[in-house]
N, C-alpha and C. Protein backbone atom coordinates (compact mmCIF):
# COMPACT_ATOMS: atom_id res chain seq x y z
N MET A 1 0.84 -1.19 0.00
CA MET A 1 0.00 0.00 0.00
C MET A 1 0.88 1.25 0.00
N SER A 2 0.67 2.13 -0.97
CA SER A 2 1.45 3.36 -1.05
C SER A 2 0.56 4.50 -1.52
N ALA A 3 1.08 5.72 -1.41
CA ALA A 3 0.31 6.90 -1.79
C ALA A 3 -0.05 6.89 -3.26
N SER A 4 0.74 6.21 -4.09
CA SER A 4 0.47 6.16 -5.53
C SER A 4 -0.80 5.39 -5.86
N ASP A 5 -1.33 4.63 -4.87
CA ASP A 5 -2.57 3.88 -5.08
C ASP A 5 -3.82 4.75 -4.96
N PHE A 6 -3.65 6.03 -4.58
CA PHE A 6 -4.79 6.90 -4.31
C PHE A 6 -4.59 8.26 -5.00
N PRO A 7 -5.67 9.00 -5.21
CA PRO A 7 -5.52 10.40 -5.65
C PRO A 7 -4.71 11.17 -4.60
N ALA A 8 -3.86 12.07 -5.05
CA ALA A 8 -2.98 12.79 -4.13
C ALA A 8 -3.76 13.57 -3.07
N SER A 9 -4.98 14.02 -3.43
CA SER A 9 -5.77 14.81 -2.50
C SER A 9 -6.39 13.98 -1.38
N ASP A 10 -6.31 12.66 -1.48
CA ASP A 10 -6.95 11.78 -0.49
C ASP A 10 -6.03 11.35 0.65
N THR A 11 -4.73 11.53 0.50
CA THR A 11 -3.81 10.95 1.47
C THR A 11 -2.77 11.96 1.96
N VAL A 12 -2.18 11.61 3.10
CA VAL A 12 -1.05 12.34 3.67
C VAL A 12 0.03 11.31 3.96
N VAL A 13 1.27 11.61 3.60
CA VAL A 13 2.39 10.69 3.81
C VAL A 13 3.40 11.33 4.75
N LEU A 14 3.74 10.61 5.82
CA LEU A 14 4.83 11.00 6.71
C LEU A 14 6.01 10.09 6.38
N GLU A 15 7.09 10.68 5.91
CA GLU A 15 8.25 9.90 5.47
C GLU A 15 9.44 10.28 6.34
N ARG A 16 9.96 9.31 7.10
CA ARG A 16 11.08 9.55 8.02
C ARG A 16 12.41 9.11 7.44
N GLY A 17 12.33 8.25 6.39
CA GLY A 17 13.55 7.67 5.85
C GLY A 17 13.94 6.43 6.62
N GLU A 18 14.92 5.69 6.11
CA GLU A 18 15.42 4.48 6.77
C GLU A 18 14.30 3.47 7.03
N GLY A 19 13.38 3.35 6.06
CA GLY A 19 12.33 2.35 6.18
C GLY A 19 11.24 2.70 7.16
N SER A 20 11.00 4.00 7.40
CA SER A 20 9.97 4.43 8.34
C SER A 20 9.00 5.37 7.62
N ARG A 21 7.71 4.96 7.55
CA ARG A 21 6.75 5.72 6.77
C ARG A 21 5.33 5.47 7.29
N VAL A 22 4.49 6.49 7.22
CA VAL A 22 3.07 6.37 7.59
C VAL A 22 2.23 6.95 6.46
N LEU A 23 1.15 6.25 6.13
CA LEU A 23 0.21 6.69 5.10
C LEU A 23 -1.16 6.85 5.74
N VAL A 24 -1.76 8.04 5.58
CA VAL A 24 -3.05 8.35 6.19
C VAL A 24 -4.05 8.73 5.10
N HIS A 25 -5.26 8.16 5.19
CA HIS A 25 -6.33 8.54 4.26
C HIS A 25 -7.21 9.58 4.96
N LEU A 26 -7.55 10.67 4.27
CA LEU A 26 -8.33 11.74 4.89
C LEU A 26 -9.79 11.35 5.11
N HIS A 27 -10.24 10.27 4.48
CA HIS A 27 -11.57 9.74 4.79
C HIS A 27 -11.49 9.05 6.15
N GLY A 28 -12.00 9.72 7.18
CA GLY A 28 -11.94 9.16 8.51
C GLY A 28 -10.62 9.34 9.22
N ALA A 29 -9.66 10.04 8.59
CA ALA A 29 -8.31 10.16 9.17
C ALA A 29 -7.75 8.79 9.51
N THR A 30 -8.04 7.82 8.65
CA THR A 30 -7.63 6.44 8.90
C THR A 30 -6.18 6.21 8.50
N VAL A 31 -5.36 5.81 9.46
CA VAL A 31 -3.98 5.43 9.15
C VAL A 31 -4.02 4.09 8.43
N LEU A 32 -3.56 4.07 7.19
CA LEU A 32 -3.62 2.86 6.37
C LEU A 32 -2.37 1.99 6.54
N SER A 33 -1.24 2.65 6.78
CA SER A 33 0.02 1.91 6.78
C SER A 33 1.01 2.57 7.72
N TRP A 34 1.70 1.74 8.48
CA TRP A 34 2.87 2.18 9.26
C TRP A 34 3.99 1.19 8.99
N VAL A 35 4.99 1.65 8.28
CA VAL A 35 6.15 0.82 7.98
C VAL A 35 7.28 1.23 8.92
N CYS A 36 7.81 0.26 9.66
CA CYS A 36 8.90 0.50 10.61
C CYS A 36 10.02 -0.50 10.31
N ASP A 37 11.22 0.00 10.14
CA ASP A 37 12.34 -0.87 9.76
C ASP A 37 12.03 -1.65 8.48
N GLY A 38 11.28 -1.02 7.60
CA GLY A 38 10.95 -1.65 6.33
C GLY A 38 9.86 -2.69 6.40
N GLN A 39 9.22 -2.85 7.58
CA GLN A 39 8.20 -3.88 7.77
C GLN A 39 6.84 -3.25 8.06
N GLU A 40 5.80 -3.68 7.35
CA GLU A 40 4.45 -3.19 7.59
C GLU A 40 3.94 -3.73 8.92
N ARG A 41 3.42 -2.81 9.77
CA ARG A 41 2.96 -3.21 11.10
C ARG A 41 1.44 -3.18 11.25
N LEU A 42 0.71 -2.74 10.24
CA LEU A 42 -0.75 -2.66 10.33
C LEU A 42 -1.42 -3.58 9.32
N PHE A 43 -2.57 -4.15 9.73
CA PHE A 43 -3.38 -4.98 8.84
C PHE A 43 -4.43 -4.11 8.16
N LEU A 44 -4.65 -4.37 6.86
CA LEU A 44 -5.65 -3.65 6.09
C LEU A 44 -6.42 -4.66 5.25
N SER A 45 -7.74 -4.58 5.29
CA SER A 45 -8.56 -5.54 4.55
C SER A 45 -8.41 -5.36 3.04
N SER A 46 -8.35 -6.47 2.35
CA SER A 46 -8.27 -6.44 0.88
C SER A 46 -9.63 -6.12 0.25
N LYS A 47 -10.69 -6.07 1.06
CA LYS A 47 -12.04 -5.82 0.56
C LYS A 47 -12.42 -4.34 0.55
N ASN A 48 -11.51 -3.47 0.97
CA ASN A 48 -11.80 -2.03 1.00
C ASN A 48 -12.04 -1.49 -0.41
N THR A 49 -12.97 -0.53 -0.50
CA THR A 49 -13.26 0.11 -1.79
C THR A 49 -12.69 1.51 -1.89
N TYR A 50 -12.39 2.15 -0.76
CA TYR A 50 -11.82 3.51 -0.73
C TYR A 50 -12.67 4.47 -1.57
N ASP A 51 -13.98 4.44 -1.33
CA ASP A 51 -14.90 5.27 -2.11
C ASP A 51 -15.25 6.58 -1.40
N ASN A 52 -14.56 6.85 -0.28
CA ASN A 52 -14.82 8.06 0.51
C ASN A 52 -16.26 8.11 1.04
N LYS A 53 -16.87 6.92 1.19
CA LYS A 53 -18.22 6.84 1.72
C LYS A 53 -18.29 5.88 2.90
N VAL A 54 -17.90 4.63 2.67
CA VAL A 54 -18.00 3.62 3.73
C VAL A 54 -16.72 3.61 4.56
N PRO A 55 -16.79 3.11 5.80
CA PRO A 55 -15.58 3.06 6.64
C PRO A 55 -14.49 2.19 6.01
N ILE A 56 -13.27 2.57 6.25
CA ILE A 56 -12.12 1.77 5.82
C ILE A 56 -11.87 0.70 6.87
N ARG A 57 -11.75 -0.54 6.42
CA ARG A 57 -11.56 -1.66 7.33
C ARG A 57 -10.07 -1.92 7.53
N GLY A 58 -9.64 -1.88 8.79
CA GLY A 58 -8.23 -2.11 9.09
C GLY A 58 -7.50 -0.81 9.35
N GLY A 59 -6.17 -0.91 9.49
CA GLY A 59 -5.37 0.27 9.80
C GLY A 59 -5.66 0.76 11.20
N ILE A 60 -5.89 2.08 11.33
CA ILE A 60 -6.26 2.66 12.62
C ILE A 60 -7.49 3.56 12.42
N PRO A 61 -8.70 3.00 12.46
CA PRO A 61 -9.91 3.80 12.36
C PRO A 61 -10.13 4.62 13.64
N VAL A 62 -10.81 5.76 13.50
CA VAL A 62 -11.14 6.63 14.62
C VAL A 62 -12.61 6.44 14.97
N ALA A 63 -12.90 5.98 16.19
CA ALA A 63 -14.28 5.82 16.66
C ALA A 63 -14.65 7.01 17.53
N PHE A 64 -15.67 7.79 17.10
CA PHE A 64 -16.16 8.96 17.83
C PHE A 64 -17.45 9.41 17.17
N PRO A 65 -18.44 9.86 17.92
CA PRO A 65 -18.51 10.04 19.38
C PRO A 65 -19.02 8.81 20.12
N ASN A 66 -19.01 7.67 19.41
CA ASN A 66 -19.49 6.45 20.05
C ASN A 66 -18.69 5.26 19.56
N PHE A 67 -18.39 4.35 20.48
CA PHE A 67 -17.76 3.09 20.11
C PHE A 67 -18.80 1.98 20.24
N GLY A 68 -18.99 1.23 19.16
CA GLY A 68 -19.97 0.16 19.17
C GLY A 68 -21.27 0.58 18.49
N PRO A 69 -22.32 -0.22 18.60
CA PRO A 69 -23.61 0.12 18.01
C PRO A 69 -24.11 1.45 18.57
N TRP A 70 -24.74 2.24 17.69
CA TRP A 70 -25.16 3.60 18.07
C TRP A 70 -26.53 3.88 17.49
N SER A 71 -27.47 4.20 18.36
CA SER A 71 -28.85 4.43 17.91
C SER A 71 -29.00 5.72 17.11
N GLN A 72 -28.05 6.65 17.26
CA GLN A 72 -28.18 7.95 16.61
C GLN A 72 -27.52 8.01 15.22
N GLY A 73 -26.71 7.01 14.94
CA GLY A 73 -25.99 7.05 13.67
C GLY A 73 -25.26 5.75 13.41
N PRO A 74 -24.21 5.78 12.57
CA PRO A 74 -23.53 4.55 12.16
C PRO A 74 -22.72 3.92 13.29
N MET A 75 -22.45 2.64 13.13
CA MET A 75 -21.61 1.89 14.06
C MET A 75 -20.29 2.63 14.28
N HIS A 76 -19.90 2.79 15.53
CA HIS A 76 -18.64 3.45 15.92
C HIS A 76 -18.63 4.95 15.62
N GLY A 77 -19.80 5.54 15.40
CA GLY A 77 -19.85 6.98 15.22
C GLY A 77 -19.53 7.43 13.81
N PHE A 78 -19.38 8.75 13.65
CA PHE A 78 -19.22 9.33 12.32
C PHE A 78 -17.80 9.77 11.97
N ALA A 79 -16.90 9.83 12.94
CA ALA A 79 -15.56 10.38 12.67
C ALA A 79 -14.83 9.59 11.59
N ARG A 80 -15.07 8.29 11.53
CA ARG A 80 -14.34 7.46 10.57
C ARG A 80 -14.93 7.52 9.15
N ILE A 81 -16.04 8.27 8.98
CA ILE A 81 -16.61 8.41 7.63
C ILE A 81 -16.74 9.87 7.21
N ARG A 82 -16.11 10.77 7.97
CA ARG A 82 -16.11 12.18 7.59
C ARG A 82 -14.74 12.54 6.99
N ARG A 83 -14.74 13.57 6.15
CA ARG A 83 -13.50 14.05 5.54
C ARG A 83 -12.78 14.97 6.52
N TRP A 84 -11.54 14.65 6.85
CA TRP A 84 -10.73 15.43 7.76
C TRP A 84 -9.91 16.47 6.99
N THR A 85 -9.52 17.52 7.69
CA THR A 85 -8.74 18.61 7.10
C THR A 85 -7.30 18.56 7.60
N VAL A 86 -6.37 18.80 6.70
CA VAL A 86 -4.96 18.87 7.10
C VAL A 86 -4.66 20.30 7.55
N THR A 87 -4.38 20.48 8.84
CA THR A 87 -4.06 21.81 9.36
C THR A 87 -2.55 22.04 9.43
N GLN A 88 -1.79 20.94 9.46
CA GLN A 88 -0.33 21.04 9.33
C GLN A 88 0.17 19.89 8.48
N PRO A 89 0.59 20.17 7.26
CA PRO A 89 1.18 19.11 6.44
C PRO A 89 2.42 18.53 7.12
N PRO A 90 2.84 17.34 6.72
CA PRO A 90 4.03 16.73 7.34
C PRO A 90 5.21 17.70 7.38
N LYS A 91 5.77 17.83 8.57
CA LYS A 91 6.86 18.78 8.82
C LYS A 91 7.93 18.11 9.66
N VAL A 92 9.18 18.32 9.29
CA VAL A 92 10.29 17.70 10.03
C VAL A 92 10.65 18.56 11.24
N ALA A 93 10.60 17.95 12.43
CA ALA A 93 10.95 18.65 13.66
C ALA A 93 12.47 18.70 13.82
N GLU A 94 12.94 19.43 14.82
CA GLU A 94 14.38 19.58 15.04
C GLU A 94 15.07 18.25 15.31
N ASN A 95 14.34 17.33 15.94
CA ASN A 95 14.95 16.03 16.25
C ASN A 95 14.85 15.02 15.10
N GLY A 96 14.30 15.46 13.96
CA GLY A 96 14.19 14.58 12.80
C GLY A 96 12.86 13.89 12.66
N ASP A 97 12.04 13.93 13.71
CA ASP A 97 10.71 13.32 13.63
C ASP A 97 9.84 14.09 12.63
N VAL A 98 8.87 13.39 12.06
CA VAL A 98 7.94 14.02 11.11
C VAL A 98 6.58 14.15 11.79
N VAL A 99 6.01 15.36 11.75
CA VAL A 99 4.76 15.64 12.45
C VAL A 99 3.73 16.20 11.47
N ALA A 100 2.50 15.66 11.54
CA ALA A 100 1.38 16.18 10.75
C ALA A 100 0.18 16.33 11.68
N VAL A 101 -0.71 17.28 11.37
CA VAL A 101 -1.88 17.53 12.20
C VAL A 101 -3.13 17.56 11.32
N LEU A 102 -4.15 16.79 11.74
CA LEU A 102 -5.45 16.75 11.05
C LEU A 102 -6.53 17.26 11.99
N GLU A 103 -7.64 17.70 11.41
CA GLU A 103 -8.70 18.26 12.24
C GLU A 103 -10.09 17.90 11.69
N LEU A 104 -11.02 17.72 12.62
CA LEU A 104 -12.42 17.49 12.25
C LEU A 104 -13.29 18.34 13.15
N GLN A 105 -14.26 19.04 12.56
CA GLN A 105 -15.26 19.79 13.32
C GLN A 105 -16.66 19.38 12.85
N GLN A 106 -17.65 19.78 13.63
CA GLN A 106 -19.02 19.46 13.28
C GLN A 106 -19.36 20.06 11.92
N ASP A 107 -20.29 19.41 11.23
CA ASP A 107 -20.82 19.95 9.98
C ASP A 107 -22.32 19.65 9.95
N GLU A 108 -22.94 19.98 8.87
CA GLU A 108 -24.39 19.81 8.76
C GLU A 108 -24.81 18.37 8.99
N GLU A 109 -24.03 17.42 8.47
CA GLU A 109 -24.39 16.01 8.59
C GLU A 109 -24.19 15.49 10.01
N THR A 110 -23.09 15.88 10.66
CA THR A 110 -22.86 15.39 12.03
C THR A 110 -23.89 15.97 12.99
N LEU A 111 -24.30 17.22 12.76
CA LEU A 111 -25.29 17.84 13.66
C LEU A 111 -26.66 17.17 13.56
N LYS A 112 -26.95 16.58 12.40
CA LYS A 112 -28.21 15.84 12.27
C LYS A 112 -28.20 14.60 13.15
N MET A 113 -27.03 13.98 13.30
CA MET A 113 -26.91 12.76 14.11
C MET A 113 -26.68 13.06 15.58
N TRP A 114 -25.88 14.09 15.83
CA TRP A 114 -25.38 14.37 17.18
C TRP A 114 -25.25 15.89 17.29
N ASN A 115 -26.21 16.53 17.90
CA ASN A 115 -26.33 17.99 17.85
C ASN A 115 -25.39 18.68 18.84
N HIS A 116 -24.09 18.54 18.58
CA HIS A 116 -23.07 19.17 19.43
C HIS A 116 -21.95 19.71 18.56
N LYS A 117 -21.34 20.80 19.02
CA LYS A 117 -20.20 21.39 18.33
C LYS A 117 -18.92 20.93 19.01
N PHE A 118 -17.91 20.60 18.21
CA PHE A 118 -16.68 20.03 18.74
C PHE A 118 -15.52 20.32 17.78
N LYS A 119 -14.32 20.09 18.27
CA LYS A 119 -13.14 20.12 17.41
C LYS A 119 -12.21 18.99 17.82
N MET A 120 -11.85 18.13 16.87
CA MET A 120 -10.89 17.05 17.11
C MET A 120 -9.58 17.41 16.43
N THR A 121 -8.49 17.39 17.19
CA THR A 121 -7.17 17.68 16.65
C THR A 121 -6.31 16.42 16.79
N TYR A 122 -5.90 15.89 15.66
CA TYR A 122 -5.20 14.60 15.59
C TYR A 122 -3.76 14.86 15.18
N THR A 123 -2.83 14.68 16.11
CA THR A 123 -1.42 14.92 15.85
C THR A 123 -0.70 13.59 15.68
N LEU A 124 -0.04 13.42 14.54
CA LEU A 124 0.69 12.19 14.21
C LEU A 124 2.17 12.49 14.18
N THR A 125 2.94 11.70 14.93
CA THR A 125 4.38 11.92 15.02
C THR A 125 5.11 10.62 14.69
N LEU A 126 5.95 10.67 13.67
CA LEU A 126 6.68 9.49 13.22
C LEU A 126 8.16 9.67 13.50
N SER A 127 8.73 8.71 14.23
CA SER A 127 10.17 8.68 14.45
C SER A 127 10.74 7.47 13.73
N ASP A 128 12.03 7.20 13.90
CA ASP A 128 12.64 6.08 13.19
C ASP A 128 12.14 4.73 13.69
N SER A 129 11.70 4.66 14.96
CA SER A 129 11.27 3.36 15.51
C SER A 129 9.94 3.42 16.25
N SER A 130 9.23 4.54 16.16
CA SER A 130 7.95 4.64 16.86
C SER A 130 6.99 5.54 16.08
N PHE A 131 5.71 5.36 16.40
CA PHE A 131 4.65 6.16 15.80
C PHE A 131 3.69 6.54 16.92
N VAL A 132 3.50 7.85 17.13
CA VAL A 132 2.65 8.35 18.20
C VAL A 132 1.45 9.06 17.60
N SER A 133 0.24 8.66 18.01
CA SER A 133 -0.98 9.32 17.58
C SER A 133 -1.65 9.92 18.80
N ASN A 134 -1.90 11.22 18.76
CA ASN A 134 -2.46 11.94 19.90
C ASN A 134 -3.71 12.69 19.46
N MET A 135 -4.81 12.43 20.15
CA MET A 135 -6.07 13.08 19.82
C MET A 135 -6.51 14.01 20.96
N VAL A 136 -6.84 15.25 20.61
CA VAL A 136 -7.42 16.20 21.55
C VAL A 136 -8.84 16.49 21.09
N ILE A 137 -9.81 16.28 21.98
CA ILE A 137 -11.22 16.52 21.66
C ILE A 137 -11.69 17.71 22.49
N GLU A 138 -12.12 18.77 21.80
CA GLU A 138 -12.51 20.02 22.46
C GLU A 138 -14.01 20.25 22.28
N ASN A 139 -14.67 20.54 23.38
CA ASN A 139 -16.08 20.90 23.34
C ASN A 139 -16.18 22.39 23.02
N THR A 140 -16.65 22.73 21.82
CA THR A 140 -16.80 24.12 21.42
C THR A 140 -18.25 24.58 21.50
N ASP A 141 -19.07 23.77 22.15
CA ASP A 141 -20.50 24.06 22.29
C ASP A 141 -20.75 24.83 23.59
N ALA A 142 -21.98 25.29 23.76
CA ALA A 142 -22.35 26.02 24.97
C ALA A 142 -22.78 25.08 26.09
N SER A 143 -23.02 23.80 25.76
CA SER A 143 -23.44 22.83 26.76
C SER A 143 -22.51 21.63 26.75
N SER A 144 -22.54 20.87 27.83
CA SER A 144 -21.67 19.69 27.93
C SER A 144 -22.22 18.54 27.11
N PHE A 145 -21.36 17.57 26.82
CA PHE A 145 -21.81 16.36 26.13
C PHE A 145 -20.97 15.18 26.56
N GLU A 146 -21.53 14.00 26.39
CA GLU A 146 -20.82 12.75 26.69
C GLU A 146 -20.46 12.06 25.38
N PHE A 147 -19.33 11.35 25.40
CA PHE A 147 -18.91 10.63 24.20
C PHE A 147 -17.99 9.48 24.60
N THR A 148 -17.80 8.57 23.67
CA THR A 148 -16.75 7.56 23.80
C THR A 148 -15.85 7.69 22.58
N PHE A 149 -14.59 7.31 22.75
CA PHE A 149 -13.58 7.50 21.71
C PHE A 149 -12.61 6.31 21.72
N LEU A 150 -12.17 5.94 20.52
CA LEU A 150 -11.22 4.83 20.42
C LEU A 150 -10.43 4.93 19.13
N LEU A 151 -9.13 4.65 19.22
CA LEU A 151 -8.32 4.40 18.04
C LEU A 151 -8.27 2.88 17.89
N HIS A 152 -9.02 2.37 16.93
CA HIS A 152 -9.30 0.93 16.81
C HIS A 152 -8.21 0.27 15.95
N THR A 153 -7.03 0.08 16.52
CA THR A 153 -5.85 -0.35 15.76
C THR A 153 -5.89 -1.83 15.40
N TYR A 154 -5.56 -2.11 14.13
CA TYR A 154 -5.43 -3.49 13.64
C TYR A 154 -3.95 -3.76 13.35
N PHE A 155 -3.32 -4.58 14.19
CA PHE A 155 -1.91 -4.89 14.00
C PHE A 155 -1.74 -6.11 13.09
N ARG A 156 -0.73 -6.07 12.26
CA ARG A 156 -0.41 -7.18 11.36
C ARG A 156 0.56 -8.13 12.06
N VAL A 157 0.24 -9.42 12.04
CA VAL A 157 1.15 -10.45 12.55
C VAL A 157 1.25 -11.55 11.51
N SER A 158 2.38 -12.23 11.49
CA SER A 158 2.59 -13.27 10.48
C SER A 158 1.83 -14.55 10.79
N ASP A 159 1.66 -14.84 12.09
CA ASP A 159 0.96 -16.07 12.50
C ASP A 159 0.33 -15.82 13.87
N ILE A 160 -1.00 -15.78 13.94
CA ILE A 160 -1.68 -15.49 15.20
C ILE A 160 -1.37 -16.55 16.26
N LYS A 161 -1.13 -17.79 15.83
CA LYS A 161 -0.83 -18.86 16.79
C LYS A 161 0.56 -18.70 17.40
N ASP A 162 1.39 -17.87 16.79
CA ASP A 162 2.75 -17.64 17.29
C ASP A 162 2.87 -16.23 17.87
N THR A 163 1.72 -15.63 18.21
CA THR A 163 1.69 -14.27 18.72
C THR A 163 1.30 -14.27 20.20
N THR A 164 1.95 -13.41 20.99
CA THR A 164 1.61 -13.28 22.41
C THR A 164 1.45 -11.80 22.75
N VAL A 165 0.65 -11.54 23.79
CA VAL A 165 0.46 -10.19 24.31
C VAL A 165 0.76 -10.21 25.79
N SER A 166 1.70 -9.36 26.22
CA SER A 166 2.12 -9.30 27.62
C SER A 166 1.74 -7.96 28.24
N GLY A 167 1.56 -7.97 29.56
CA GLY A 167 1.34 -6.73 30.29
C GLY A 167 -0.08 -6.50 30.74
N LEU A 168 -0.97 -7.48 30.56
CA LEU A 168 -2.38 -7.30 30.93
C LEU A 168 -2.82 -8.16 32.12
N LYS A 169 -1.91 -8.94 32.66
CA LYS A 169 -2.29 -9.83 33.75
C LYS A 169 -2.79 -9.04 34.96
N GLY A 170 -3.90 -9.52 35.55
CA GLY A 170 -4.48 -8.90 36.73
C GLY A 170 -5.53 -7.86 36.43
N LEU A 171 -5.68 -7.47 35.16
CA LEU A 171 -6.68 -6.48 34.80
C LEU A 171 -8.05 -7.12 34.59
N THR A 172 -9.09 -6.34 34.83
CA THR A 172 -10.47 -6.81 34.64
C THR A 172 -10.88 -6.59 33.19
N TYR A 173 -11.55 -7.59 32.62
CA TYR A 173 -12.04 -7.45 31.25
C TYR A 173 -13.42 -8.09 31.12
N PHE A 174 -14.11 -7.73 30.02
CA PHE A 174 -15.38 -8.34 29.68
C PHE A 174 -15.15 -9.31 28.53
N ASP A 175 -15.59 -10.54 28.70
CA ASP A 175 -15.36 -11.60 27.71
C ASP A 175 -16.53 -11.65 26.73
N LYS A 176 -16.32 -11.14 25.52
CA LYS A 176 -17.38 -11.11 24.52
C LYS A 176 -17.70 -12.51 23.99
N MET A 177 -16.80 -13.47 24.20
CA MET A 177 -17.06 -14.84 23.77
C MET A 177 -17.85 -15.62 24.81
N ASN A 178 -18.14 -14.96 25.95
CA ASN A 178 -18.86 -15.63 27.04
C ASN A 178 -19.90 -14.68 27.64
N ASP A 179 -20.79 -14.16 26.78
CA ASP A 179 -21.91 -13.32 27.22
C ASP A 179 -21.47 -12.09 28.02
N ILE A 180 -20.35 -11.49 27.63
CA ILE A 180 -19.83 -10.26 28.26
C ILE A 180 -19.60 -10.47 29.77
N THR A 181 -19.17 -11.67 30.13
CA THR A 181 -18.87 -11.97 31.53
C THR A 181 -17.66 -11.17 31.98
N GLU A 182 -17.74 -10.61 33.20
CA GLU A 182 -16.60 -9.87 33.76
C GLU A 182 -15.60 -10.85 34.34
N CYS A 183 -14.33 -10.73 33.92
CA CYS A 183 -13.29 -11.68 34.33
C CYS A 183 -12.02 -10.93 34.72
N THR A 184 -11.08 -11.63 35.29
CA THR A 184 -9.76 -11.10 35.60
C THR A 184 -8.73 -11.85 34.77
N GLU A 185 -7.89 -11.12 34.06
CA GLU A 185 -6.89 -11.76 33.21
C GLU A 185 -5.85 -12.49 34.06
N ASP A 186 -5.67 -13.79 33.78
CA ASP A 186 -4.71 -14.57 34.55
C ASP A 186 -3.56 -15.11 33.70
N GLN A 187 -3.58 -14.80 32.41
CA GLN A 187 -2.50 -15.28 31.55
C GLN A 187 -1.38 -14.23 31.44
N GLU A 188 -0.16 -14.69 31.40
CA GLU A 188 0.98 -13.82 31.14
C GLU A 188 2.12 -14.65 30.52
N PRO A 189 2.27 -14.55 29.19
CA PRO A 189 1.52 -13.69 28.29
C PRO A 189 0.23 -14.36 27.82
N ILE A 190 -0.62 -13.58 27.16
CA ILE A 190 -1.83 -14.12 26.54
C ILE A 190 -1.43 -14.79 25.23
N LYS A 191 -1.91 -16.03 25.03
CA LYS A 191 -1.66 -16.76 23.79
C LYS A 191 -2.98 -17.01 23.07
N PHE A 192 -2.91 -17.08 21.76
CA PHE A 192 -4.12 -17.19 20.95
C PHE A 192 -4.31 -18.63 20.47
N THR A 193 -4.70 -19.48 21.42
CA THR A 193 -4.97 -20.88 21.10
C THR A 193 -6.42 -21.08 20.68
N GLN A 194 -7.24 -20.06 20.85
CA GLN A 194 -8.64 -20.07 20.44
C GLN A 194 -9.06 -18.63 20.15
N THR A 195 -10.27 -18.44 19.63
CA THR A 195 -10.75 -17.10 19.34
C THR A 195 -10.97 -16.33 20.64
N LEU A 196 -10.38 -15.14 20.73
CA LEU A 196 -10.51 -14.29 21.91
C LEU A 196 -11.13 -12.96 21.53
N ALA A 197 -11.97 -12.42 22.43
CA ALA A 197 -12.55 -11.08 22.26
C ALA A 197 -12.73 -10.50 23.66
N LYS A 198 -11.73 -9.73 24.09
CA LYS A 198 -11.73 -9.20 25.45
C LYS A 198 -11.71 -7.68 25.44
N ILE A 199 -12.58 -7.08 26.25
CA ILE A 199 -12.63 -5.63 26.41
C ILE A 199 -12.14 -5.31 27.82
N PHE A 200 -10.95 -4.71 27.92
CA PHE A 200 -10.37 -4.41 29.22
C PHE A 200 -10.91 -3.08 29.76
N LYS A 201 -11.22 -3.07 31.06
CA LYS A 201 -11.81 -1.89 31.68
C LYS A 201 -10.80 -0.76 31.86
N ASP A 202 -9.57 -1.11 32.16
CA ASP A 202 -8.55 -0.10 32.47
C ASP A 202 -7.26 -0.38 31.71
N SER A 203 -6.43 0.63 31.67
CA SER A 203 -5.11 0.46 31.06
C SER A 203 -4.12 -0.03 32.11
N PRO A 204 -3.13 -0.81 31.71
CA PRO A 204 -2.12 -1.27 32.67
C PRO A 204 -1.17 -0.14 33.06
N ALA A 205 -0.48 -0.33 34.17
CA ALA A 205 0.48 0.69 34.63
C ALA A 205 1.70 0.74 33.73
N GLY A 206 2.06 -0.41 33.16
CA GLY A 206 3.23 -0.47 32.30
C GLY A 206 2.85 -0.71 30.85
N PRO A 207 3.84 -0.95 30.00
CA PRO A 207 3.56 -1.15 28.57
C PRO A 207 2.93 -2.51 28.28
N VAL A 208 2.19 -2.56 27.18
CA VAL A 208 1.68 -3.82 26.62
C VAL A 208 2.58 -4.17 25.44
N VAL A 209 3.04 -5.42 25.39
CA VAL A 209 3.99 -5.84 24.36
C VAL A 209 3.38 -6.94 23.51
N ILE A 210 3.35 -6.71 22.21
CA ILE A 210 2.89 -7.72 21.25
C ILE A 210 4.12 -8.34 20.60
N GLN A 211 4.24 -9.66 20.71
CA GLN A 211 5.43 -10.35 20.20
C GLN A 211 5.01 -11.43 19.21
N CYS A 212 5.67 -11.45 18.06
CA CYS A 212 5.46 -12.48 17.05
C CYS A 212 6.79 -12.80 16.44
N SER A 213 7.11 -14.08 16.29
CA SER A 213 8.41 -14.46 15.77
C SER A 213 8.63 -13.87 14.39
N GLY A 214 9.85 -13.41 14.14
CA GLY A 214 10.19 -12.83 12.85
C GLY A 214 9.90 -11.35 12.76
N SER A 215 9.31 -10.78 13.81
CA SER A 215 8.98 -9.35 13.81
C SER A 215 9.54 -8.68 15.06
N ARG A 216 9.83 -7.40 14.91
CA ARG A 216 10.26 -6.62 16.07
C ARG A 216 9.07 -6.48 17.03
N PRO A 217 9.28 -6.64 18.36
CA PRO A 217 8.16 -6.50 19.30
C PRO A 217 7.53 -5.11 19.20
N LEU A 218 6.20 -5.08 19.39
CA LEU A 218 5.46 -3.82 19.41
C LEU A 218 5.16 -3.48 20.86
N GLU A 219 5.61 -2.31 21.29
CA GLU A 219 5.37 -1.87 22.66
C GLU A 219 4.37 -0.73 22.65
N LEU A 220 3.26 -0.92 23.38
CA LEU A 220 2.19 0.08 23.41
C LEU A 220 2.21 0.79 24.76
C-alpha cells in the first residue's frame, strides 16, 4: 500500500527515511500503513473500496462520538466516515521526527446525528522506531456532552498462533465470547490458542507488548 494507489488529494504521507513511513487517508483520518524498519505493522482488509463513503476496514480507524452500536448514527460513530482537514502538512521537527496535524469539526451532517459542536485535533508523530498518535477533543459548544472514543488499531502479525500479548495480567475485562462476563486476566503472556474477544476496563500501569516471531516487538 502506497500513496500512488490513491488520488494525491486523499492521502497524507509522513516519510522519516530508513524504512519508516506512515500513510493516512483523509476519509476518517484512517492510518492505512505504518512501515517501521521496512516492515508493515498494520493490517488492512483487501475488501476495501476507498470510495470516501463507507468506513475503511483495518489500519487505525477513529471511533467517535461512540464506540460500538449507536442508535443515533452509524456503528462506531461518524468520525471514521467524515472528511478530515490537514491543518499542518508533514513537517520535520528539530529532532528529525515528522509531524502532521489533522482536524475534524461538526458539519451539517454530524449535527443531524449528534447535535453538538466540537473540534478534534489529531497529531501524528513518526520517528525512526515509533509512531505516536495523539487526539485532543474540544467541546466548542455552549453545553456539555458525553462521548466515547477509540483508536481501533489493527496490527499485522505473520501467525496469530505464534503471537503473544504481555502486560495485561491482573486487569479486569469483559469476555465477549462468554456473554460479556466480567473476568480477571490470569495469563501472562496471553496466547491465541482459540478465538478471543476481550474488552479491558482499564489500562495497565506499564507497557503492553505484542510479540510475534520474525517481527520486532510492538510496545504500546
